[in-house]
Protein backbone atom coordinates (compact mmCIF):
# COMPACT_ATOMS: atom_id res chain seq x y z
CA MET A 1 13.06 37.99 24.40
CA SER A 2 16.09 37.92 26.69
CA SER A 3 16.72 35.27 29.34
CA GLU A 4 16.14 37.94 32.01
CA GLN A 5 12.51 38.39 30.96
CA THR A 6 9.87 36.17 32.48
CA LEU A 7 6.42 35.02 31.54
CA THR A 8 3.39 34.77 33.74
CA LYS A 9 1.70 31.38 33.85
CA GLN A 10 -1.18 32.77 31.79
CA GLU A 11 1.19 34.13 29.14
CA LEU A 12 3.03 30.81 29.04
CA LYS A 13 -0.27 28.98 28.65
CA LYS A 14 -1.37 31.15 25.73
CA ILE A 15 1.97 30.76 23.96
CA VAL A 16 1.96 26.97 24.37
CA GLU A 17 -1.63 26.80 23.14
CA ALA A 18 -0.72 28.85 20.05
CA VAL A 19 2.38 26.73 19.38
CA VAL A 20 0.47 23.44 19.53
CA PHE A 21 -2.29 24.88 17.35
CA ALA A 22 0.19 26.13 14.73
CA SER A 23 2.36 23.01 14.68
CA PRO A 24 1.77 20.92 11.52
CA ALA A 25 2.40 17.72 13.47
CA PRO A 26 2.19 16.59 17.10
CA ILE A 27 4.83 18.45 19.08
CA SER A 28 6.57 17.19 22.21
CA ILE A 29 7.27 19.04 25.43
CA GLU A 30 10.98 18.73 24.67
CA LYS A 31 10.57 20.47 21.30
CA ILE A 32 8.42 23.22 22.79
CA GLN A 33 11.08 23.83 25.41
CA SER A 34 14.08 23.75 23.07
CA LEU A 35 12.61 25.51 20.03
CA VAL A 36 10.22 28.04 21.53
CA PHE A 37 11.65 28.76 24.94
CA ALA A 38 15.35 28.26 24.22
CA GLU A 39 16.20 31.72 25.59
CA LEU A 40 14.11 31.35 28.72
CA ASN A 41 14.47 29.20 31.78
CA ILE A 42 11.17 27.41 31.26
CA LYS A 43 11.13 23.94 32.82
CA LYS A 44 9.47 20.92 31.24
CA MET A 45 7.23 20.60 34.28
CA GLU A 46 5.89 24.12 33.69
CA ILE A 47 5.02 23.26 30.10
CA GLU A 48 3.41 20.00 31.22
CA ASP A 49 1.31 21.89 33.77
CA VAL A 50 -0.04 24.39 31.24
CA LEU A 51 -0.74 21.62 28.73
CA GLN A 52 -2.85 19.81 31.30
CA SER A 53 -4.64 23.08 32.03
CA ILE A 54 -5.30 23.60 28.31
CA LYS A 55 -6.56 20.03 28.04
CA LYS A 56 -9.03 20.72 30.83
CA ASP A 57 -10.17 23.97 29.17
CA TYR A 58 -11.05 22.07 25.99
CA SER A 59 -12.74 19.11 27.69
CA HIS A 60 -16.23 20.48 27.02
CA LYS A 61 -15.51 21.84 23.53
CA ALA A 62 -15.70 20.32 20.06
CA VAL A 63 -11.90 20.40 19.84
CA GLU A 64 -9.65 18.50 22.24
CA LEU A 65 -5.96 18.42 23.10
CA VAL A 66 -4.60 14.93 22.44
CA GLU A 67 -1.27 13.44 23.50
CA SER A 68 0.13 10.79 21.16
CA ALA A 69 3.51 9.12 20.80
CA SER A 70 5.10 12.17 19.11
CA GLY A 71 3.57 14.84 21.32
CA PHE A 72 0.51 17.06 21.61
CA SER A 73 -1.95 18.20 18.96
CA PHE A 74 -5.46 19.61 18.67
CA ARG A 75 -8.12 17.43 17.06
CA THR A 76 -11.82 17.69 16.54
CA LYS A 77 -13.73 15.19 18.63
CA GLU A 78 -14.71 12.00 16.86
CA LYS A 79 -18.45 12.52 17.30
CA TYR A 80 -18.30 15.55 15.00
CA GLY A 81 -16.49 13.68 12.22
CA GLU A 82 -19.64 13.03 10.20
CA TRP A 83 -20.41 16.77 10.08
CA ILE A 84 -16.85 17.84 9.36
CA SER A 85 -16.57 15.35 6.49
CA LYS A 86 -19.21 17.35 4.60
CA LEU A 87 -16.58 20.04 4.02
CA TRP A 88 -14.75 17.82 1.54
CA GLN A 89 -16.17 16.30 -1.62
CA GLU A 90 -13.46 13.68 -1.67
CA LYS A 91 -14.49 10.69 0.42
CA PRO A 92 -12.12 9.28 3.05
CA PRO A 93 -10.01 6.28 2.01
CA LYS A 94 -11.77 2.94 2.18
CA TYR A 95 -10.03 0.14 4.01
CA GLY A 96 -11.40 -3.38 3.88
CA ARG A 97 -11.72 -5.92 6.63
CA ALA A 98 -8.65 -7.80 5.34
CA LEU A 99 -6.46 -4.74 5.87
CA LEU A 100 -7.90 -4.07 9.32
CA GLU A 101 -7.38 -7.67 10.40
CA THR A 102 -3.78 -7.55 9.18
CA LEU A 103 -3.18 -4.27 11.01
CA ALA A 104 -4.77 -5.66 14.18
CA LEU A 105 -2.53 -8.74 14.08
CA ILE A 106 0.60 -6.64 13.64
CA ALA A 107 -0.46 -4.22 16.40
CA TYR A 108 -1.26 -6.92 18.95
CA GLN A 109 1.23 -9.66 18.07
CA GLN A 110 4.27 -7.75 16.84
CA PRO A 111 6.87 -8.61 15.81
CA ILE A 112 5.16 -10.94 13.35
CA THR A 113 5.97 -12.29 9.89
CA ARG A 114 3.73 -12.20 6.87
CA GLY A 115 3.54 -16.00 6.97
CA GLU A 116 2.38 -15.94 10.60
CA ILE A 117 -0.33 -13.42 9.68
CA GLU A 118 -1.45 -15.73 6.90
CA ASP A 119 -1.51 -18.71 9.28
CA VAL A 120 -3.86 -16.88 11.64
CA ARG A 121 -6.12 -15.44 8.95
CA GLY A 122 -6.14 -18.61 6.87
CA VAL A 123 -5.61 -16.74 3.60
CA ALA A 124 -2.71 -15.11 1.77
CA VAL A 125 -1.93 -11.50 2.65
CA SER A 126 -2.05 -9.25 -0.41
CA SER A 127 1.11 -7.31 -1.22
CA ASN A 128 -1.15 -4.26 -1.66
CA ILE A 129 -2.15 -4.47 2.01
CA ILE A 130 1.47 -4.50 3.18
CA LYS A 131 2.24 -1.69 0.72
CA THR A 132 -0.69 0.46 1.91
CA LEU A 133 0.17 0.01 5.59
CA SER A 134 3.85 0.73 4.89
CA GLU A 135 3.12 3.83 2.80
CA ARG A 136 0.96 5.21 5.61
CA GLN A 137 3.90 4.47 7.92
CA TRP A 138 1.60 2.48 10.18
CA ILE A 139 3.91 -0.54 9.97
CA LYS A 140 7.59 -1.11 9.33
CA VAL A 141 10.11 -3.94 9.15
CA VAL A 142 11.61 -4.27 12.63
CA GLY A 143 13.91 -7.20 11.94
CA HIS A 144 14.11 -10.66 10.42
CA LYS A 145 13.16 -13.98 11.97
CA GLU A 146 16.10 -16.34 12.32
CA VAL A 147 14.59 -19.20 10.33
CA PRO A 148 15.31 -20.38 6.78
CA GLY A 149 14.69 -17.49 4.40
CA ARG A 150 14.87 -14.94 7.26
CA PRO A 151 11.38 -13.48 6.63
CA ALA A 152 10.76 -9.87 7.61
CA LEU A 153 9.23 -9.16 11.00
CA TYR A 154 6.62 -6.40 11.04
CA GLY A 155 5.72 -4.02 13.83
CA THR A 156 3.85 -0.74 14.12
CA ASP A 157 5.56 2.61 13.55
CA LYS A 158 5.14 5.86 15.47
CA PRO A 159 2.73 7.42 12.89
CA PHE A 160 0.34 4.55 13.70
CA LEU A 161 0.21 5.72 17.31
CA ASP A 162 -0.08 9.38 16.30
CA TYR A 163 -2.91 8.72 13.84
CA PHE A 164 -4.98 6.85 16.39
CA GLY A 165 -4.14 9.24 19.25
CA LEU A 166 -2.20 6.66 21.28
CA LYS A 167 0.76 7.40 23.53
CA SER A 168 1.93 3.78 23.43
CA LEU A 169 0.79 0.30 22.43
CA SER A 170 -0.48 -0.20 25.97
CA ASP A 171 -3.31 2.22 25.06
CA LEU A 172 -4.72 -0.24 22.51
CA PRO A 173 -8.14 -1.67 23.42
CA GLN A 174 -7.68 -4.60 25.77
CA LEU A 175 -8.35 -7.93 24.16
CA ILE A 176 -11.37 -9.83 25.40
CA GLU A 177 -10.78 -13.58 25.53
CA PRO A 178 -11.94 -15.40 23.54
CA GLU A 179 -12.32 -12.83 20.78
CA SER A 180 -12.24 -13.40 17.05
CA LEU A 181 -9.79 -11.56 14.82
CA GLU A 182 -12.73 -9.99 12.99
CA ALA A 183 -14.08 -8.64 16.29
CA VAL A 184 -10.67 -7.17 17.18
CA ALA A 185 -10.44 -5.47 13.77
CA LYS A 186 -13.95 -4.10 14.15
CA ARG A 187 -13.15 -2.65 17.59
CA LEU A 188 -9.93 -1.13 16.23
CA GLU A 189 -12.01 0.54 13.54
CA THR A 190 -14.84 1.82 15.74
CA GLU A 191 -12.81 2.85 18.79
CA PHE A 192 -9.99 4.67 17.02
CA MET A 193 -10.65 5.26 13.36
CA GLY A 194 -14.02 6.91 13.68
CA HIS A 195 -15.10 8.37 10.36
CA ASN A 196 -11.67 8.15 8.77
CA LEU A 197 -12.48 4.68 7.50
CA GLU A 198 -15.34 3.23 5.53
CA GLN A 199 -15.75 -0.52 5.35
CA GLN A 200 -15.69 -2.12 1.94
CA PRO A 201 -18.27 -4.78 1.07
CA ASP A 202 -16.77 -8.25 1.55
CA SER A 203 -16.97 -8.86 -2.20
CA GLN A 204 -14.60 -5.93 -2.87
CA GLN A 205 -11.94 -6.81 -0.32
CA THR A 206 -8.49 -8.00 -1.21
CA HIS A 207 -7.04 -10.76 0.95
């Protein structure tokens, strides 16, 4: 398509909808503009407008348009997760309370060291927990604390925001004071993880 050709708003909307649907990962307005409409004079505001229109169109459907840190993507609504999960024989990964509490501490108190996490939780943090969170790219080393030994400081990574459908850390559930760490972890699980997580019995958890 040449730069002289134009698109109607409805055509633009359908193309953007198809692009977001086909994208294997959340896609930003900037990428849509530069990759898809490079030959056309399509402004970011125009793409933003049609995305909001698409979001409204899907508001009463089983699928919704979600904006996360990396961009826009289509997702099935959480309340249908139990039904969708029947499509796969393989059960979703199980994450214990220890992992959720560690993730909650990093999310809310970053940057934070492993030792500081252990001080709050009162038990040692398993290397497997740090490994699992790192492999999922939910956390990363963001620096080192300037104390003897220079321990690593952990913070959340962008895939953490994308997975939970968050644009930024400010979208995390607001803490209710006073609130126990276990309660924060439970809310993180129920409000964002839906049916992606299954709690392990306390006896099976790794600290």
